[in-house]
Protein backbone atom coordinates (compact mmCIF):
# COMPACT_ATOMS: atom_id res chain seq x y z
CA UNK A 1 0.00 0.00 0.00
CA UNK A 2 1.18 3.45 -0.85
CA UNK A 3 0.99 6.40 1.51
CA UNK A 4 -1.87 7.86 -0.55
CA UNK A 5 -3.95 4.72 -0.15
CA UNK A 6 -3.38 4.71 3.62
CA UNK A 7 -4.54 8.30 3.85
CA UNK A 8 -7.66 7.54 1.82
CA UNK A 9 -8.50 4.58 4.07
CA UNK A 10 -8.24 6.80 7.14
CA UNK A 11 -10.49 9.44 5.64
CA UNK A 12 -13.20 6.85 5.00
CA UNK A 13 -13.46 6.02 8.70
CA UNK A 14 -16.08 8.27 10.27
CA UNK A 15 -15.33 9.76 13.65
CA UNK A 16 -18.00 9.35 16.28
CA UNK A 17 -18.96 12.39 18.29
CA UNK A 18 -19.22 11.92 22.07
CA UNK A 19 -22.78 11.58 23.29
CA UNK A 20 -23.82 14.26 25.76
CA UNK A 21 -26.06 13.30 28.64
CA UNK A 22 -28.00 15.64 30.80
CA UNK A 23 -27.09 15.58 34.49
CA UNK A 24 -29.97 15.19 36.88
CA UNK A 25 -30.42 17.67 39.70
CA UNK A 26 -30.09 14.92 42.28
CA UNK A 27 -26.66 14.00 40.85
CA UNK A 28 -25.44 17.56 41.24
CA UNK A 29 -26.52 17.61 44.89
CA UNK A 30 -24.96 14.20 45.57
CA UNK A 31 -21.51 15.27 44.33
CA UNK A 32 -19.38 16.69 47.11
CA UNK A 33 -15.95 18.24 47.13
CA UNK A 34 -13.17 15.69 47.58
CA UNK A 35 -11.93 15.36 51.13
CA UNK A 36 -8.29 16.30 51.60
CA UNK A 37 -6.25 13.78 53.54
CA UNK A 38 -3.20 15.04 55.36
CA UNK A 39 -0.29 12.71 54.76
CA UNK A 40 1.80 12.17 57.86
CA UNK A 41 5.51 12.69 57.25
CA UNK A 42 7.61 9.59 57.76
CA UNK A 43 9.92 10.13 60.71
CA UNK A 44 13.43 8.79 60.11
CA UNK A 45 15.20 7.51 63.22
CA UNK A 46 18.55 5.75 63.35
CA UNK A 47 20.75 4.31 66.10
CA UNK A 48 24.47 4.95 66.22
CA UNK A 49 27.59 5.38 68.31
CA UNK A 50 28.90 8.81 69.33
CA UNK A 51 32.37 9.44 67.87
CA UNK A 52 32.91 13.03 68.96
CA UNK A 53 31.39 15.59 71.32
CA UNK A 54 34.03 18.31 70.95
CA UNK A 55 31.64 20.84 69.42
CA UNK A 56 29.22 22.96 71.42
CA UNK A 57 25.75 21.31 71.51
CA UNK A 58 26.71 19.02 68.62
CA UNK A 59 27.77 15.40 68.49
CA UNK A 60 29.03 13.25 65.62
CA UNK A 61 27.20 9.91 65.35
CA UNK A 62 28.43 6.92 63.33
CA UNK A 63 25.56 4.84 61.94
CA UNK A 64 26.49 1.43 60.54
CA UNK A 65 24.29 -0.81 58.44
CA UNK A 66 24.75 -4.10 56.62
CA UNK A 67 24.07 -4.13 52.88
CA UNK A 68 24.04 -7.16 50.62
CA UNK A 69 26.38 -6.83 47.62
CA UNK A 70 24.24 -6.90 44.45
CA UNK A 71 26.48 -9.32 42.52
CA UNK A 72 28.37 -11.42 45.05
CA UNK A 73 25.77 -11.58 47.83
CA UNK A 74 28.29 -10.87 50.60
CA UNK A 75 27.10 -8.55 53.37
CA UNK A 76 29.16 -5.38 53.64
CA UNK A 77 29.24 -2.87 56.51
CA UNK A 78 28.46 0.63 55.29
CA UNK A 79 28.50 3.66 57.55
CA UNK A 80 27.38 7.27 57.61
CA UNK A 81 28.34 10.07 59.97
CA UNK A 82 25.69 12.53 61.07
CA UNK A 83 25.95 15.68 63.15
CA UNK A 84 23.19 15.72 65.74
CA UNK A 85 21.97 18.42 68.10
CA UNK A 86 22.60 17.77 71.82
CA UNK A 87 20.84 20.62 73.65
CA UNK A 88 22.25 19.90 77.14
CA UNK A 89 25.80 18.88 76.14
CA UNK A 90 25.40 15.74 78.24
CA UNK A 91 26.34 13.00 75.76
CA UNK A 92 29.89 11.61 75.76
CA UNK A 93 31.99 9.65 73.29
CA UNK A 94 31.13 5.95 73.13
CA UNK A 95 27.45 6.41 74.02
CA UNK A 96 24.87 4.68 71.84
CA UNK A 97 22.10 7.12 70.90
CA UNK A 98 18.96 7.29 68.82
CA UNK A 99 18.70 10.33 66.55
CA UNK A 100 15.72 11.63 64.56
CA UNK A 101 15.69 13.71 61.40
CA UNK A 102 14.73 17.34 62.02
CA UNK A 103 14.56 20.57 60.08
CA UNK A 104 18.05 21.94 59.41
CA UNK A 105 19.62 23.54 62.49
CA UNK A 106 22.83 24.55 60.74
CA UNK A 107 24.66 23.85 57.49
CA UNK A 108 25.62 20.30 58.44
CA UNK A 109 23.26 19.55 61.33
CA UNK A 110 19.74 18.28 60.63
CA UNK A 111 19.37 15.53 63.27
CA UNK A 112 18.35 15.72 66.94
CA UNK A 113 19.16 13.29 69.75
CA UNK A 114 15.96 11.63 71.02
CA UNK A 115 17.29 8.92 73.37
CA UNK A 116 20.48 7.76 75.02
CA UNK A 117 20.29 3.97 74.75
CA UNK A 118 23.49 3.10 76.60
CA UNK A 119 26.39 4.98 78.17
CA UNK A 120 29.93 4.34 76.98
CA UNK A 121 32.64 3.07 79.31
CA UNK A 122 34.18 5.82 81.41
CA UNK A 123 37.84 5.29 81.97
C-alpha atoms as a PDB file:
ATOM      1  CA  UNK A   1       0.000   0.000   0.000  1.00  0.00           C
ATOM      2  CA  UNK A   2       1.178   3.449  -0.850  1.00  0.00           C
ATOM      3  CA  UNK A   3       0.987   6.401   1.506  1.00  0.00           C
ATOM      4  CA  UNK A   4      -1.869   7.864  -0.547  1.00  0.00           C
ATOM      5  CA  UNK A   5      -3.954   4.720  -0.150  1.00  0.00           C
ATOM      6  CA  UNK A   6      -3.383   4.709   3.617  1.00  0.00           C
ATOM      7  CA  UNK A   7      -4.539   8.304   3.849  1.00  0.00           C
ATOM      8  CA  UNK A   8      -7.660   7.544   1.818  1.00  0.00           C
ATOM      9  CA  UNK A   9      -8.496   4.582   4.072  1.00  0.00           C
ATOM     10  CA  UNK A  10      -8.235   6.797   7.144  1.00  0.00           C
ATOM     11  CA  UNK A  11     -10.486   9.441   5.643  1.00  0.00           C
ATOM     12  CA  UNK A  12     -13.201   6.845   4.995  1.00  0.00           C
ATOM     13  CA  UNK A  13     -13.461   6.021   8.700  1.00  0.00           C
ATOM     14  CA  UNK A  14     -16.075   8.272  10.269  1.00  0.00           C
ATOM     15  CA  UNK A  15     -15.327   9.755  13.648  1.00  0.00           C
ATOM     16  CA  UNK A  16     -18.004   9.350  16.284  1.00  0.00           C
ATOM     17  CA  UNK A  17     -18.956  12.393  18.288  1.00  0.00           C
ATOM     18  CA  UNK A  18     -19.221  11.916  22.069  1.00  0.00           C
ATOM     19  CA  UNK A  19     -22.778  11.580  23.293  1.00  0.00           C
ATOM     20  CA  UNK A  20     -23.823  14.264  25.757  1.00  0.00           C
ATOM     21  CA  UNK A  21     -26.061  13.295  28.640  1.00  0.00           C
ATOM     22  CA  UNK A  22     -28.003  15.641  30.805  1.00  0.00           C
ATOM     23  CA  UNK A  23     -27.089  15.585  34.487  1.00  0.00           C
ATOM     24  CA  UNK A  24     -29.970  15.188  36.881  1.00  0.00           C
ATOM     25  CA  UNK A  25     -30.423  17.674  39.696  1.00  0.00           C
ATOM     26  CA  UNK A  26     -30.089  14.924  42.282  1.00  0.00           C
ATOM     27  CA  UNK A  27     -26.661  13.996  40.846  1.00  0.00           C
ATOM     28  CA  UNK A  28     -25.439  17.563  41.244  1.00  0.00           C
ATOM     29  CA  UNK A  29     -26.525  17.605  44.887  1.00  0.00           C
ATOM     30  CA  UNK A  30     -24.961  14.203  45.574  1.00  0.00           C
ATOM     31  CA  UNK A  31     -21.512  15.270  44.328  1.00  0.00           C
ATOM     32  CA  UNK A  32     -19.379  16.690  47.112  1.00  0.00           C
ATOM     33  CA  UNK A  33     -15.954  18.243  47.128  1.00  0.00           C
ATOM     34  CA  UNK A  34     -13.166  15.690  47.578  1.00  0.00           C
ATOM     35  CA  UNK A  35     -11.925  15.355  51.132  1.00  0.00           C
ATOM     36  CA  UNK A  36      -8.289  16.301  51.604  1.00  0.00           C
ATOM     37  CA  UNK A  37      -6.246  13.785  53.537  1.00  0.00           C
ATOM     38  CA  UNK A  38      -3.201  15.044  55.355  1.00  0.00           C
ATOM     39  CA  UNK A  39      -0.287  12.709  54.757  1.00  0.00           C
ATOM     40  CA  UNK A  40       1.803  12.167  57.863  1.00  0.00           C
ATOM     41  CA  UNK A  41       5.506  12.688  57.252  1.00  0.00           C
ATOM     42  CA  UNK A  42       7.611   9.586  57.762  1.00  0.00           C
ATOM     43  CA  UNK A  43       9.918  10.134  60.707  1.00  0.00           C
ATOM     44  CA  UNK A  44      13.430   8.787  60.107  1.00  0.00           C
ATOM     45  CA  UNK A  45      15.199   7.512  63.216  1.00  0.00           C
ATOM     46  CA  UNK A  46      18.550   5.751  63.348  1.00  0.00           C
ATOM     47  CA  UNK A  47      20.751   4.309  66.096  1.00  0.00           C
ATOM     48  CA  UNK A  48      24.470   4.949  66.217  1.00  0.00           C
ATOM     49  CA  UNK A  49      27.586   5.377  68.309  1.00  0.00           C
ATOM     50  CA  UNK A  50      28.901   8.806  69.327  1.00  0.00           C
ATOM     51  CA  UNK A  51      32.367   9.440  67.866  1.00  0.00           C
ATOM     52  CA  UNK A  52      32.907  13.034  68.956  1.00  0.00           C
ATOM     53  CA  UNK A  53      31.390  15.592  71.318  1.00  0.00           C
ATOM     54  CA  UNK A  54      34.029  18.311  70.954  1.00  0.00           C
ATOM     55  CA  UNK A  55      31.637  20.838  69.416  1.00  0.00           C
ATOM     56  CA  UNK A  56      29.218  22.957  71.423  1.00  0.00           C
ATOM     57  CA  UNK A  57      25.746  21.312  71.513  1.00  0.00           C
ATOM     58  CA  UNK A  58      26.707  19.018  68.617  1.00  0.00           C
ATOM     59  CA  UNK A  59      27.774  15.397  68.487  1.00  0.00           C
ATOM     60  CA  UNK A  60      29.026  13.247  65.620  1.00  0.00           C
ATOM     61  CA  UNK A  61      27.195   9.913  65.352  1.00  0.00           C
ATOM     62  CA  UNK A  62      28.426   6.918  63.335  1.00  0.00           C
ATOM     63  CA  UNK A  63      25.555   4.841  61.944  1.00  0.00           C
ATOM     64  CA  UNK A  64      26.487   1.431  60.540  1.00  0.00           C
ATOM     65  CA  UNK A  65      24.287  -0.810  58.440  1.00  0.00           C
ATOM     66  CA  UNK A  66      24.752  -4.103  56.624  1.00  0.00           C
ATOM     67  CA  UNK A  67      24.070  -4.133  52.883  1.00  0.00           C
ATOM     68  CA  UNK A  68      24.043  -7.160  50.617  1.00  0.00           C
ATOM     69  CA  UNK A  69      26.379  -6.833  47.618  1.00  0.00           C
ATOM     70  CA  UNK A  70      24.245  -6.898  44.450  1.00  0.00           C
ATOM     71  CA  UNK A  71      26.475  -9.316  42.517  1.00  0.00           C
ATOM     72  CA  UNK A  72      28.368 -11.425  45.052  1.00  0.00           C
ATOM     73  CA  UNK A  73      25.773 -11.576  47.832  1.00  0.00           C
ATOM     74  CA  UNK A  74      28.287 -10.870  50.595  1.00  0.00           C
ATOM     75  CA  UNK A  75      27.095  -8.553  53.370  1.00  0.00           C
ATOM     76  CA  UNK A  76      29.156  -5.383  53.641  1.00  0.00           C
ATOM     77  CA  UNK A  77      29.244  -2.872  56.507  1.00  0.00           C
ATOM     78  CA  UNK A  78      28.461   0.628  55.285  1.00  0.00           C
ATOM     79  CA  UNK A  79      28.499   3.657  57.552  1.00  0.00           C
ATOM     80  CA  UNK A  80      27.380   7.271  57.609  1.00  0.00           C
ATOM     81  CA  UNK A  81      28.343  10.071  59.967  1.00  0.00           C
ATOM     82  CA  UNK A  82      25.686  12.528  61.073  1.00  0.00           C
ATOM     83  CA  UNK A  83      25.950  15.683  63.146  1.00  0.00           C
ATOM     84  CA  UNK A  84      23.186  15.720  65.742  1.00  0.00           C
ATOM     85  CA  UNK A  85      21.975  18.423  68.103  1.00  0.00           C
ATOM     86  CA  UNK A  86      22.599  17.774  71.821  1.00  0.00           C
ATOM     87  CA  UNK A  87      20.845  20.615  73.648  1.00  0.00           C
ATOM     88  CA  UNK A  88      22.251  19.904  77.141  1.00  0.00           C
ATOM     89  CA  UNK A  89      25.800  18.884  76.145  1.00  0.00           C
ATOM     90  CA  UNK A  90      25.404  15.742  78.244  1.00  0.00           C
ATOM     91  CA  UNK A  91      26.344  13.005  75.758  1.00  0.00           C
ATOM     92  CA  UNK A  92      29.890  11.613  75.759  1.00  0.00           C
ATOM     93  CA  UNK A  93      31.987   9.649  73.288  1.00  0.00           C
ATOM     94  CA  UNK A  94      31.134   5.954  73.128  1.00  0.00           C
ATOM     95  CA  UNK A  95      27.446   6.408  74.021  1.00  0.00           C
ATOM     96  CA  UNK A  96      24.866   4.677  71.845  1.00  0.00           C
ATOM     97  CA  UNK A  97      22.096   7.123  70.903  1.00  0.00           C
ATOM     98  CA  UNK A  98      18.956   7.294  68.824  1.00  0.00           C
ATOM     99  CA  UNK A  99      18.695  10.329  66.548  1.00  0.00           C
ATOM    100  CA  UNK A 100      15.723  11.633  64.565  1.00  0.00           C
ATOM    101  CA  UNK A 101      15.695  13.707  61.404  1.00  0.00           C
ATOM    102  CA  UNK A 102      14.730  17.335  62.020  1.00  0.00           C
ATOM    103  CA  UNK A 103      14.560  20.565  60.082  1.00  0.00           C
ATOM    104  CA  UNK A 104      18.049  21.943  59.408  1.00  0.00           C
ATOM    105  CA  UNK A 105      19.616  23.536  62.485  1.00  0.00           C
ATOM    106  CA  UNK A 106      22.830  24.551  60.743  1.00  0.00           C
ATOM    107  CA  UNK A 107      24.662  23.849  57.489  1.00  0.00           C
ATOM    108  CA  UNK A 108      25.621  20.298  58.439  1.00  0.00           C
ATOM    109  CA  UNK A 109      23.255  19.547  61.328  1.00  0.00           C
ATOM    110  CA  UNK A 110      19.737  18.275  60.630  1.00  0.00           C
ATOM    111  CA  UNK A 111      19.366  15.530  63.268  1.00  0.00           C
ATOM    112  CA  UNK A 112      18.346  15.718  66.941  1.00  0.00           C
ATOM    113  CA  UNK A 113      19.160  13.286  69.751  1.00  0.00           C
ATOM    114  CA  UNK A 114      15.964  11.628  71.020  1.00  0.00           C
ATOM    115  CA  UNK A 115      17.288   8.918  73.370  1.00  0.00           C
ATOM    116  CA  UNK A 116      20.476   7.762  75.016  1.00  0.00           C
ATOM    117  CA  UNK A 117      20.291   3.972  74.751  1.00  0.00           C
ATOM    118  CA  UNK A 118      23.494   3.104  76.604  1.00  0.00           C
ATOM    119  CA  UNK A 119      26.391   4.982  78.170  1.00  0.00           C
ATOM    120  CA  UNK A 120      29.935   4.338  76.984  1.00  0.00           C
ATOM    121  CA  UNK A 121      32.641   3.068  79.309  1.00  0.00           C
ATOM    122  CA  UNK A 122      34.181   5.823  81.410  1.00  0.00           C
ATOM    123  CA  UNK A 123      37.842   5.290  81.972  1.00  0.00           C
END
